[in-house]
Amino acid sequence: MFNNIGLPGLLLIAVVLLVLFGRGKVSSLMGEVGKGITAFKKGVNDGTAELDAAKAEDAKDVTPAEKDKV
């Protein structure tokens, strides 16, 4: 259904959104979307850092005899 929207269709949708909601409302909405994306990326990076720290901690706790088994 949406396979062939193209650039003219996207521009038409953008114009309709601007007419319906006004420039200020769309601008604030896009700002909130940007903040949400930034928060998501920060959360992913923090989660990755926690996993890396946990793996380093686990690797530090392994004795040489256990390393030979792996």
Protein backbone atom coordinates (compact mmCIF):
# COMPACT_ATOMS: atom_id res chain seq x y z
CA MET A 1 0.00 0.00 0.00
CA PHE A 2 2.76 2.46 0.95
CA ASN A 3 5.33 1.09 -1.47
CA ASN A 4 5.01 3.89 -4.01
CA ILE A 5 4.48 7.07 -1.99
CA GLY A 6 7.59 8.83 -3.28
CA LEU A 7 8.77 12.38 -2.71
CA PRO A 8 5.63 14.19 -3.96
CA GLY A 9 3.45 12.13 -1.62
CA LEU A 10 5.70 12.85 1.36
CA LEU A 11 5.67 16.56 0.57
CA LEU A 12 1.88 16.52 0.36
CA ILE A 13 1.66 14.79 3.75
CA ALA A 14 4.05 17.37 5.25
CA VAL A 15 1.97 20.26 3.89
CA VAL A 16 -1.26 18.75 5.24
CA LEU A 17 0.33 18.29 8.68
CA LEU A 18 1.51 21.90 8.68
CA VAL A 19 -1.95 23.14 7.72
CA LEU A 20 -3.72 21.00 10.32
CA PHE A 21 -1.43 21.52 13.29
CA GLY A 22 0.51 24.68 12.53
CA ARG A 23 4.23 25.22 12.42
CA GLY A 24 4.69 25.61 16.18
CA LYS A 25 2.97 22.37 17.08
CA VAL A 26 4.83 20.34 14.43
CA SER A 27 8.12 21.95 15.46
CA SER A 28 7.61 21.08 19.13
CA LEU A 29 6.58 17.55 18.18
CA MET A 30 9.76 17.06 16.15
CA GLY A 31 11.78 18.42 19.08
CA GLU A 32 10.22 15.85 21.37
CA VAL A 33 10.93 13.08 18.84
CA GLY A 34 14.57 14.20 18.72
CA LYS A 35 14.82 14.14 22.52
CA GLY A 36 13.30 10.66 22.56
CA ILE A 37 15.80 9.38 20.01
CA THR A 38 18.68 10.91 21.97
CA ALA A 39 17.44 9.32 25.21
CA PHE A 40 17.07 5.95 23.48
CA LYS A 41 20.62 6.08 22.12
CA LYS A 42 21.96 7.06 25.55
CA GLY A 43 20.09 4.15 27.14
CA VAL A 44 21.47 1.70 24.59
CA ASN A 45 25.01 2.97 25.15
CA ASP A 46 24.60 2.76 28.93
CA GLY A 47 23.25 -0.78 28.65
CA THR A 48 26.14 -1.82 26.45
CA ALA A 49 28.60 -0.31 28.90
CA GLU A 50 26.97 -2.22 31.78
CA LEU A 51 27.17 -5.49 29.85
CA ASP A 52 30.83 -4.88 29.02
CA ALA A 53 31.58 -4.11 32.66
CA ALA A 54 29.77 -7.27 33.77
CA LYS A 55 31.70 -9.38 31.25
CA ALA A 56 34.99 -7.86 32.44
CA GLU A 57 34.03 -8.56 36.05
CA ASP A 58 33.12 -12.17 35.20
CA ALA A 59 36.37 -12.65 33.30
CA LYS A 60 38.33 -11.30 36.27
CA ASP A 61 36.64 -13.79 38.63
CA VAL A 62 37.57 -16.83 36.51
CA THR A 63 40.52 -18.82 37.86
CA PRO A 64 43.27 -20.14 35.53
CA ALA A 65 41.98 -23.72 36.05
CA GLU A 66 38.52 -22.66 34.86
CA LYS A 67 40.03 -20.96 31.81
CA ASP A 68 41.59 -24.29 30.76
CA LYS A 69 38.14 -25.93 30.80
CA VAL A 70 36.74 -23.34 28.38
